[in-house]
Full PDB file with SEQRES, HELIX, SHEET, SSBOND, CRYST1, ORIGX, SCALE, CONECT and MASTER records, all heavy atoms in Angstrom:
SEQRES   1 A   34  VAL LEU VAL PRO PRO GLY THR GLY GLY ALA CYS ASP GLY          
SEQRES   2 A   34  ILE LEU GLY VAL ARG VAL LEU SER HIS GLY TYR GLN LEU          
SEQRES   3 A   34  LEU VAL PRO THR PRO PRO GLU HIS                              
HELIX    1 AA1 GLY A    8  CYS A   11  5                                   4    
CRYST1    1.000    1.000    1.000  90.00  90.00  90.00 P 1           1          
ORIGX1      1.000000  0.000000  0.000000        0.00000                         
ORIGX2      0.000000  1.000000  0.000000        0.00000                         
ORIGX3      0.000000  0.000000  1.000000        0.00000                         
SCALE1      1.000000  0.000000  0.000000        0.00000                         
SCALE2      0.000000  1.000000  0.000000        0.00000                         
SCALE3      0.000000  0.000000  1.000000        0.00000                         
ATOM      1  N   VAL A   1      15.596  14.036  33.578  1.00  0.00           N  
ATOM      2  CA  VAL A   1      14.757  13.163  32.721  1.00  0.00           C  
ATOM      3  C   VAL A   1      15.494  13.155  31.336  1.00  0.00           C  
ATOM      4  O   VAL A   1      15.663  14.235  30.757  1.00  0.00           O  
ATOM      5  CB  VAL A   1      13.362  13.628  32.583  1.00  0.00           C  
ATOM      6  CG1 VAL A   1      12.557  12.764  31.680  1.00  0.00           C  
ATOM      7  CG2 VAL A   1      12.690  13.704  34.007  1.00  0.00           C  
ATOM      8  N   LEU A   2      15.822  11.966  30.878  1.00  0.00           N  
ATOM      9  CA  LEU A   2      16.542  11.926  29.574  1.00  0.00           C  
ATOM     10  C   LEU A   2      15.557  11.743  28.447  1.00  0.00           C  
ATOM     11  O   LEU A   2      14.621  10.953  28.509  1.00  0.00           O  
ATOM     12  CB  LEU A   2      17.535  10.787  29.612  1.00  0.00           C  
ATOM     13  CG  LEU A   2      18.851  11.145  30.331  1.00  0.00           C  
ATOM     14  CD1 LEU A   2      18.710  11.621  31.701  1.00  0.00           C  
ATOM     15  CD2 LEU A   2      19.808   9.950  30.288  1.00  0.00           C  
ATOM     16  N   VAL A   3      15.728  12.641  27.451  1.00  0.00           N  
ATOM     17  CA  VAL A   3      14.815  12.779  26.306  1.00  0.00           C  
ATOM     18  C   VAL A   3      15.648  12.506  25.048  1.00  0.00           C  
ATOM     19  O   VAL A   3      16.841  12.643  25.015  1.00  0.00           O  
ATOM     20  CB  VAL A   3      14.080  14.120  26.316  1.00  0.00           C  
ATOM     21  CG1 VAL A   3      13.256  14.256  27.577  1.00  0.00           C  
ATOM     22  CG2 VAL A   3      15.046  15.266  26.145  1.00  0.00           C  
ATOM     23  N   PRO A   4      15.043  12.261  23.896  1.00  0.00           N  
ATOM     24  CA  PRO A   4      15.788  12.056  22.651  1.00  0.00           C  
ATOM     25  C   PRO A   4      16.695  13.257  22.337  1.00  0.00           C  
ATOM     26  O   PRO A   4      16.310  14.421  22.614  1.00  0.00           O  
ATOM     27  CB  PRO A   4      14.679  11.919  21.577  1.00  0.00           C  
ATOM     28  CG  PRO A   4      13.524  11.380  22.334  1.00  0.00           C  
ATOM     29  CD  PRO A   4      13.575  12.035  23.691  1.00  0.00           C  
ATOM     30  N   PRO A   5      17.872  12.991  21.797  1.00  0.00           N  
ATOM     31  CA  PRO A   5      18.780  14.079  21.484  1.00  0.00           C  
ATOM     32  C   PRO A   5      18.192  15.105  20.544  1.00  0.00           C  
ATOM     33  O   PRO A   5      17.464  14.755  19.606  1.00  0.00           O  
ATOM     34  CB  PRO A   5      19.983  13.383  20.854  1.00  0.00           C  
ATOM     35  CG  PRO A   5      19.480  12.051  20.353  1.00  0.00           C  
ATOM     36  CD  PRO A   5      18.355  11.726  21.272  1.00  0.00           C  
ATOM     37  N   GLY A   6      18.516  16.338  20.883  1.00  0.00           N  
ATOM     38  CA  GLY A   6      17.984  17.442  20.021  1.00  0.00           C  
ATOM     39  C   GLY A   6      16.568  17.915  20.295  1.00  0.00           C  
ATOM     40  O   GLY A   6      16.092  18.816  19.696  1.00  0.00           O  
ATOM     41  N   THR A   7      15.902  17.213  21.239  1.00  0.00           N  
ATOM     42  CA  THR A   7      14.521  17.566  21.555  1.00  0.00           C  
ATOM     43  C   THR A   7      14.325  18.263  22.905  1.00  0.00           C  
ATOM     44  O   THR A   7      13.189  18.773  23.136  1.00  0.00           O  
ATOM     45  CB  THR A   7      13.602  16.317  21.527  1.00  0.00           C  
ATOM     46  OG1 THR A   7      13.927  15.472  22.658  1.00  0.00           O  
ATOM     47  CG2 THR A   7      13.702  15.545  20.266  1.00  0.00           C  
ATOM     48  N   GLY A   8      15.381  18.354  23.721  1.00  0.00           N  
ATOM     49  CA  GLY A   8      15.223  18.987  24.988  1.00  0.00           C  
ATOM     50  C   GLY A   8      14.798  20.416  24.979  1.00  0.00           C  
ATOM     51  O   GLY A   8      14.200  20.892  25.906  1.00  0.00           O  
ATOM     52  N   GLY A   9      15.038  21.106  23.872  1.00  0.00           N  
ATOM     53  CA  GLY A   9      14.680  22.480  23.775  1.00  0.00           C  
ATOM     54  C   GLY A   9      13.189  22.738  23.921  1.00  0.00           C  
ATOM     55  O   GLY A   9      12.764  23.839  24.188  1.00  0.00           O  
ATOM     56  N   ALA A  10      12.387  21.669  23.805  1.00  0.00           N  
ATOM     57  CA  ALA A  10      10.970  21.841  24.029  1.00  0.00           C  
ATOM     58  C   ALA A  10      10.610  22.247  25.443  1.00  0.00           C  
ATOM     59  O   ALA A  10       9.574  22.792  25.736  1.00  0.00           O  
ATOM     60  CB  ALA A  10      10.230  20.445  23.700  1.00  0.00           C  
ATOM     61  N   CYS A  11      11.625  22.055  26.359  1.00  0.00           N  
ATOM     62  CA  CYS A  11      11.385  22.359  27.779  1.00  0.00           C  
ATOM     63  C   CYS A  11      12.050  23.742  28.142  1.00  0.00           C  
ATOM     64  O   CYS A  11      11.956  24.125  29.223  1.00  0.00           O  
ATOM     65  CB  CYS A  11      11.998  21.291  28.615  1.00  0.00           C  
ATOM     66  SG  CYS A  11      11.190  19.663  28.433  1.00  0.00           S  
ATOM     67  N   ASP A  12      12.702  24.368  27.159  1.00  0.00           N  
ATOM     68  CA  ASP A  12      13.263  25.743  27.409  1.00  0.00           C  
ATOM     69  C   ASP A  12      12.238  26.706  27.890  1.00  0.00           C  
ATOM     70  O   ASP A  12      11.052  26.673  27.395  1.00  0.00           O  
ATOM     71  CB  ASP A  12      13.961  26.247  26.181  1.00  0.00           C  
ATOM     72  CG  ASP A  12      15.347  25.671  25.948  1.00  0.00           C  
ATOM     73  OD1 ASP A  12      15.935  25.221  26.926  1.00  0.00           O  
ATOM     74  OD2 ASP A  12      15.829  25.736  24.815  1.00  0.00           O  
ATOM     75  N   GLY A  13      12.582  27.580  28.818  1.00  0.00           N  
ATOM     76  CA  GLY A  13      11.657  28.639  29.237  1.00  0.00           C  
ATOM     77  C   GLY A  13      10.704  28.244  30.311  1.00  0.00           C  
ATOM     78  O   GLY A  13       9.867  29.058  30.729  1.00  0.00           O  
ATOM     79  N   ILE A  14      10.853  26.995  30.837  1.00  0.00           N  
ATOM     80  CA  ILE A  14       9.979  26.597  31.910  1.00  0.00           C  
ATOM     81  C   ILE A  14      10.654  26.829  33.217  1.00  0.00           C  
ATOM     82  O   ILE A  14      11.814  26.433  33.385  1.00  0.00           O  
ATOM     83  CB  ILE A  14       9.578  25.095  31.769  1.00  0.00           C  
ATOM     84  CG1 ILE A  14       8.833  24.846  30.450  1.00  0.00           C  
ATOM     85  CG2 ILE A  14       8.715  24.620  32.927  1.00  0.00           C  
ATOM     86  CD1 ILE A  14       8.551  23.425  30.102  1.00  0.00           C  
ATOM     87  N   LEU A  15       9.940  27.457  34.153  1.00  0.00           N  
ATOM     88  CA  LEU A  15      10.535  27.803  35.425  1.00  0.00           C  
ATOM     89  C   LEU A  15      11.067  26.554  36.137  1.00  0.00           C  
ATOM     90  O   LEU A  15      10.379  25.500  36.225  1.00  0.00           O  
ATOM     91  CB  LEU A  15       9.477  28.440  36.331  1.00  0.00           C  
ATOM     92  CG  LEU A  15       9.927  29.034  37.659  1.00  0.00           C  
ATOM     93  CD1 LEU A  15      10.961  30.157  37.403  1.00  0.00           C  
ATOM     94  CD2 LEU A  15       8.739  29.568  38.410  1.00  0.00           C  
ATOM     95  N   GLY A  16      12.366  26.580  36.629  1.00  0.00           N  
ATOM     96  CA  GLY A  16      12.900  25.441  37.320  1.00  0.00           C  
ATOM     97  C   GLY A  16      13.476  24.369  36.454  1.00  0.00           C  
ATOM     98  O   GLY A  16      13.869  23.286  36.905  1.00  0.00           O  
ATOM     99  N   VAL A  17      13.546  24.646  35.117  1.00  0.00           N  
ATOM    100  CA  VAL A  17      14.004  23.654  34.195  1.00  0.00           C  
ATOM    101  C   VAL A  17      15.234  24.142  33.414  1.00  0.00           C  
ATOM    102  O   VAL A  17      15.324  25.334  33.046  1.00  0.00           O  
ATOM    103  CB  VAL A  17      12.905  23.288  33.193  1.00  0.00           C  
ATOM    104  CG1 VAL A  17      13.397  22.402  32.034  1.00  0.00           C  
ATOM    105  CG2 VAL A  17      11.728  22.676  33.889  1.00  0.00           C  
ATOM    106  N   ARG A  18      16.257  23.273  33.275  1.00  0.00           N  
ATOM    107  CA  ARG A  18      17.405  23.559  32.486  1.00  0.00           C  
ATOM    108  C   ARG A  18      17.654  22.434  31.576  1.00  0.00           C  
ATOM    109  O   ARG A  18      17.547  21.261  31.967  1.00  0.00           O  
ATOM    110  CB  ARG A  18      18.580  23.735  33.452  1.00  0.00           C  
ATOM    111  CG  ARG A  18      19.776  24.449  32.844  1.00  0.00           C  
ATOM    112  CD  ARG A  18      20.824  24.624  33.890  1.00  0.00           C  
ATOM    113  NE  ARG A  18      21.245  23.298  34.372  1.00  0.00           N  
ATOM    114  CZ  ARG A  18      22.393  23.036  34.879  1.00  0.00           C  
ATOM    115  NH1 ARG A  18      23.267  23.979  35.127  1.00  0.00           N  
ATOM    116  NH2 ARG A  18      22.695  21.800  35.201  1.00  0.00           N  
ATOM    117  N   VAL A  19      18.038  22.694  30.350  1.00  0.00           N  
ATOM    118  CA  VAL A  19      18.248  21.615  29.387  1.00  0.00           C  
ATOM    119  C   VAL A  19      19.749  21.486  29.157  1.00  0.00           C  
ATOM    120  O   VAL A  19      20.508  22.438  28.939  1.00  0.00           O  
ATOM    121  CB  VAL A  19      17.573  21.977  27.980  1.00  0.00           C  
ATOM    122  CG1 VAL A  19      17.877  20.891  26.976  1.00  0.00           C  
ATOM    123  CG2 VAL A  19      16.015  22.127  28.209  1.00  0.00           C  
ATOM    124  N   LEU A  20      20.214  20.222  29.239  1.00  0.00           N  
ATOM    125  CA  LEU A  20      21.602  19.840  29.000  1.00  0.00           C  
ATOM    126  C   LEU A  20      21.708  19.125  27.692  1.00  0.00           C  
ATOM    127  O   LEU A  20      21.121  18.015  27.568  1.00  0.00           O  
ATOM    128  CB  LEU A  20      22.143  19.021  30.156  1.00  0.00           C  
ATOM    129  CG  LEU A  20      21.967  19.534  31.574  1.00  0.00           C  
ATOM    130  CD1 LEU A  20      22.477  18.552  32.630  1.00  0.00           C  
ATOM    131  CD2 LEU A  20      22.661  20.889  31.743  1.00  0.00           C  
ATOM    132  N   SER A  21      22.419  19.675  26.751  1.00  0.00           N  
ATOM    133  CA  SER A  21      22.543  19.079  25.410  1.00  0.00           C  
ATOM    134  C   SER A  21      24.047  19.136  25.061  1.00  0.00           C  
ATOM    135  O   SER A  21      24.889  19.031  25.962  1.00  0.00           O  
ATOM    136  CB  SER A  21      21.631  19.793  24.398  1.00  0.00           C  
ATOM    137  OG  SER A  21      21.546  18.989  23.218  1.00  0.00           O  
ATOM    138  N   HIS A  22      24.353  19.353  23.784  1.00  0.00           N  
ATOM    139  CA  HIS A  22      25.722  19.393  23.360  1.00  0.00           C  
ATOM    140  C   HIS A  22      26.544  20.336  24.196  1.00  0.00           C  
ATOM    141  O   HIS A  22      26.106  21.453  24.528  1.00  0.00           O  
ATOM    142  CB  HIS A  22      25.832  19.811  21.884  1.00  0.00           C  
ATOM    143  CG  HIS A  22      25.358  18.721  20.952  1.00  0.00           C  
ATOM    144  ND1 HIS A  22      26.104  17.628  20.680  1.00  0.00           N  
ATOM    145  CD2 HIS A  22      24.222  18.593  20.245  1.00  0.00           C  
ATOM    146  CE1 HIS A  22      25.434  16.864  19.832  1.00  0.00           C  
ATOM    147  NE2 HIS A  22      24.299  17.476  19.582  1.00  0.00           N  
ATOM    148  N   GLY A  23      27.718  19.901  24.588  1.00  0.00           N  
ATOM    149  CA  GLY A  23      28.583  20.702  25.394  1.00  0.00           C  
ATOM    150  C   GLY A  23      28.466  20.518  26.938  1.00  0.00           C  
ATOM    151  O   GLY A  23      29.228  20.995  27.693  1.00  0.00           O  
ATOM    152  N   TYR A  24      27.470  19.708  27.354  1.00  0.00           N  
ATOM    153  CA  TYR A  24      27.274  19.490  28.755  1.00  0.00           C  
ATOM    154  C   TYR A  24      27.564  17.951  29.009  1.00  0.00           C  
ATOM    155  O   TYR A  24      27.477  17.142  28.094  1.00  0.00           O  
ATOM    156  CB  TYR A  24      25.863  19.734  29.167  1.00  0.00           C  
ATOM    157  CG  TYR A  24      25.498  21.214  29.209  1.00  0.00           C  
ATOM    158  CD1 TYR A  24      24.987  21.893  28.123  1.00  0.00           C  
ATOM    159  CD2 TYR A  24      25.782  21.954  30.384  1.00  0.00           C  
ATOM    160  CE1 TYR A  24      24.650  23.230  28.177  1.00  0.00           C  
ATOM    161  CE2 TYR A  24      25.467  23.288  30.393  1.00  0.00           C  
ATOM    162  CZ  TYR A  24      24.957  23.940  29.304  1.00  0.00           C  
ATOM    163  OH  TYR A  24      24.643  25.280  29.381  1.00  0.00           O  
ATOM    164  N   GLN A  25      27.847  17.656  30.241  1.00  0.00           N  
ATOM    165  CA  GLN A  25      28.017  16.255  30.674  1.00  0.00           C  
ATOM    166  C   GLN A  25      27.177  16.082  31.949  1.00  0.00           C  
ATOM    167  O   GLN A  25      26.881  16.994  32.698  1.00  0.00           O  
ATOM    168  CB  GLN A  25      29.483  15.971  30.949  1.00  0.00           C  
ATOM    169  CG  GLN A  25      30.346  16.014  29.735  1.00  0.00           C  
ATOM    170  CD  GLN A  25      31.763  15.598  29.996  1.00  0.00           C  
ATOM    171  OE1 GLN A  25      32.111  15.151  31.111  1.00  0.00           O  
ATOM    172  NE2 GLN A  25      32.610  15.682  29.042  1.00  0.00           N  
ATOM    173  N   LEU A  26      26.813  14.785  32.096  1.00  0.00           N  
ATOM    174  CA  LEU A  26      25.985  14.462  33.291  1.00  0.00           C  
ATOM    175  C   LEU A  26      26.698  13.301  34.067  1.00  0.00           C  
ATOM    176  O   LEU A  26      27.175  12.364  33.393  1.00  0.00           O  
ATOM    177  CB  LEU A  26      24.595  13.990  32.814  1.00  0.00           C  
ATOM    178  CG  LEU A  26      23.559  13.669  33.874  1.00  0.00           C  
ATOM    179  CD1 LEU A  26      23.209  14.884  34.714  1.00  0.00           C  
ATOM    180  CD2 LEU A  26      22.230  13.169  33.272  1.00  0.00           C  
ATOM    181  N   LEU A  27      26.714  13.394  35.360  1.00  0.00           N  
ATOM    182  CA  LEU A  27      27.315  12.362  36.174  1.00  0.00           C  
ATOM    183  C   LEU A  27      26.321  11.223  36.334  1.00  0.00           C  
ATOM    184  O   LEU A  27      25.201  11.439  36.818  1.00  0.00           O  
ATOM    185  CB  LEU A  27      27.706  12.956  37.548  1.00  0.00           C  
ATOM    186  CG  LEU A  27      28.506  12.037  38.512  1.00  0.00           C  
ATOM    187  CD1 LEU A  27      29.943  11.816  37.852  1.00  0.00           C  
ATOM    188  CD2 LEU A  27      28.678  12.737  39.807  1.00  0.00           C  
ATOM    189  N   VAL A  28      26.751  10.007  35.931  1.00  0.00           N  
ATOM    190  CA  VAL A  28      25.816   8.870  36.047  1.00  0.00           C  
ATOM    191  C   VAL A  28      26.531   7.661  36.702  1.00  0.00           C  
ATOM    192  O   VAL A  28      27.780   7.528  36.610  1.00  0.00           O  
ATOM    193  CB  VAL A  28      25.305   8.425  34.661  1.00  0.00           C  
ATOM    194  CG1 VAL A  28      24.513   9.475  33.972  1.00  0.00           C  
ATOM    195  CG2 VAL A  28      26.457   7.926  33.781  1.00  0.00           C  
ATOM    196  N   PRO A  29      25.758   6.881  37.481  1.00  0.00           N  
ATOM    197  CA  PRO A  29      26.361   5.684  38.073  1.00  0.00           C  
ATOM    198  C   PRO A  29      26.679   4.645  37.051  1.00  0.00           C  
ATOM    199  O   PRO A  29      25.878   4.387  36.140  1.00  0.00           O  
ATOM    200  CB  PRO A  29      25.226   5.152  38.968  1.00  0.00           C  
ATOM    201  CG  PRO A  29      24.187   6.141  38.969  1.00  0.00           C  
ATOM    202  CD  PRO A  29      24.348   7.080  37.835  1.00  0.00           C  
ATOM    203  N   THR A  30      27.871   4.040  37.131  1.00  0.00           N  
ATOM    204  CA  THR A  30      28.281   3.017  36.212  1.00  0.00           C  
ATOM    205  C   THR A  30      28.953   1.902  37.037  1.00  0.00           C  
ATOM    206  O   THR A  30      29.959   2.122  37.682  1.00  0.00           O  
ATOM    207  CB  THR A  30      29.213   3.467  35.148  1.00  0.00           C  
ATOM    208  OG1 THR A  30      30.350   4.077  35.779  1.00  0.00           O  
ATOM    209  CG2 THR A  30      28.648   4.450  34.193  1.00  0.00           C  
ATOM    210  N   PRO A  31      28.360   0.700  37.053  1.00  0.00           N  
ATOM    211  CA  PRO A  31      27.086   0.294  36.518  1.00  0.00           C  
ATOM    212  C   PRO A  31      25.929   0.914  37.273  1.00  0.00           C  
ATOM    213  O   PRO A  31      26.150   1.521  38.346  1.00  0.00           O  
ATOM    214  CB  PRO A  31      27.116  -1.231  36.600  1.00  0.00           C  
ATOM    215  CG  PRO A  31      27.994  -1.497  37.809  1.00  0.00           C  
ATOM    216  CD  PRO A  31      29.031  -0.436  37.777  1.00  0.00           C  
ATOM    217  N   PRO A  32      24.742   0.748  36.799  1.00  0.00           N  
ATOM    218  CA  PRO A  32      23.544   1.382  37.428  1.00  0.00           C  
ATOM    219  C   PRO A  32      23.357   1.118  38.943  1.00  0.00           C  
ATOM    220  O   PRO A  32      22.857   1.939  39.607  1.00  0.00           O  
ATOM    221  CB  PRO A  32      22.341   0.869  36.655  1.00  0.00           C  
ATOM    222  CG  PRO A  32      22.929   0.532  35.309  1.00  0.00           C  
ATOM    223  CD  PRO A  32      24.324   0.041  35.580  1.00  0.00           C  
ATOM    224  N   GLU A  33      23.813  -0.065  39.389  1.00  0.00           N  
ATOM    225  CA  GLU A  33      23.623  -0.421  40.806  1.00  0.00           C  
ATOM    226  C   GLU A  33      24.524   0.421  41.706  1.00  0.00           C  
ATOM    227  O   GLU A  33      24.339   0.446  42.897  1.00  0.00           O  
ATOM    228  CB  GLU A  33      23.980  -1.906  41.039  1.00  0.00           C  
ATOM    229  CG  GLU A  33      23.288  -2.903  40.170  1.00  0.00           C  
ATOM    230  CD  GLU A  33      23.913  -2.967  38.770  1.00  0.00           C  
ATOM    231  OE1 GLU A  33      25.130  -3.132  38.607  1.00  0.00           O  
ATOM    232  OE2 GLU A  33      23.125  -2.906  37.800  1.00  0.00           O  
ATOM    233  N   HIS A  34      25.522   1.119  41.142  1.00  0.00           N  
ATOM    234  CA  HIS A  34      26.498   1.843  41.954  1.00  0.00           C  
ATOM    235  C   HIS A  34      26.095   3.338  42.078  1.00  0.00           C  
ATOM    236  O   HIS A  34      26.934   4.204  41.894  1.00  0.00           O  
ATOM    237  CB  HIS A  34      27.868   1.730  41.358  1.00  0.00           C  
ATOM    238  CG  HIS A  34      28.479   0.322  41.567  1.00  0.00           C  
ATOM    239  ND1 HIS A  34      29.370   0.056  42.500  1.00  0.00           N  
ATOM    240  CD2 HIS A  34      28.203  -0.832  40.932  1.00  0.00           C  
ATOM    241  CE1 HIS A  34      29.693  -1.193  42.493  1.00  0.00           C  
ATOM    242  NE2 HIS A  34      28.972  -1.779  41.516  1.00  0.00           N  
TER     243      HIS A  34                                                      
MASTER        0    0    0    1    0    0    0    6  242    1    0    3          
END                                                                             
């Protein structure tokens, strides 16, 4: 789930949750249909 930059830390410490911010990359379909 994509959230505003710098705000993902609100989800830190929740079981089963990992926050990806600076220094991480996410694989996304480009364009979205692919």
